[in-house]
Protein backbone atom coordinates (compact mmCIF):
# COMPACT_ATOMS: atom_id res chain seq x y z
CA UNK A 1 0.00 0.00 0.00
CA UNK A 2 1.30 3.42 -0.93
CA UNK A 3 1.18 6.21 1.61
CA UNK A 4 0.37 9.49 -0.13
CA UNK A 5 1.22 12.87 1.38
CA UNK A 6 0.62 16.46 0.45
CA UNK A 7 2.57 19.61 1.08
CA UNK A 8 2.11 21.32 4.43
CA UNK A 9 1.47 24.47 2.36
CA UNK A 10 -1.80 22.91 1.15
CA UNK A 11 -3.44 23.37 4.53
CA UNK A 12 -6.77 21.63 5.03
CA UNK A 13 -7.85 22.02 1.40
CA UNK A 14 -8.60 19.11 -0.88
CA UNK A 15 -7.35 20.70 -4.11
CA UNK A 16 -3.71 19.69 -4.02
CA UNK A 17 -1.00 17.51 -5.46
CA UNK A 18 0.06 14.46 -3.45
CA UNK A 19 3.30 12.50 -3.60
CA UNK A 20 3.56 8.74 -3.10
CA UNK A 21 7.07 7.49 -2.26
CA UNK A 22 8.35 5.33 -5.09
CA UNK A 23 5.13 5.69 -7.06
CA UNK A 24 4.64 9.20 -8.36
CA UNK A 25 2.30 12.12 -8.05
CA UNK A 26 -1.47 12.49 -8.20
CA UNK A 27 -4.25 15.04 -7.93
CA UNK A 28 -6.17 14.75 -4.67
CA UNK A 29 -9.42 15.21 -6.63
CA UNK A 30 -8.62 12.12 -8.76
CA UNK A 31 -6.80 9.75 -6.39
CA UNK A 32 -7.44 6.62 -8.46
CA UNK A 33 -4.83 7.65 -11.06
CA UNK A 34 -1.25 8.81 -10.74
CA UNK A 35 1.70 9.89 -12.86
CA UNK A 36 4.75 7.70 -12.44
CA UNK A 37 7.96 9.66 -11.88
CA UNK A 38 11.45 8.20 -11.55
CA UNK A 39 13.57 9.08 -8.53
CA UNK A 40 15.98 10.92 -10.81
CA UNK A 41 13.23 13.01 -12.42
CA UNK A 42 11.70 13.83 -9.02
CA UNK A 43 15.09 14.92 -7.65
CA UNK A 44 15.68 17.12 -10.69
CA UNK A 45 12.22 18.67 -10.30
CA UNK A 46 12.81 19.45 -6.62
CA UNK A 47 16.19 20.98 -7.40
CA UNK A 48 14.62 23.38 -9.91
CA UNK A 49 11.71 24.28 -7.61
CA UNK A 50 14.01 24.95 -4.65
CA UNK A 51 16.19 27.23 -6.78
CA UNK A 52 13.22 29.52 -7.52
């Protein structure tokens, strides 16, 4: 079973992106589907976002 989590910046809202370790990302409004993302791609994404 995958444990999904959302950013603490999302607050109590239900309109957010969630991350599942080793699985990918999904929209909290459509939890039955997800986008698979490799560890390398996720790390590259975080590096770019943090640099902003």
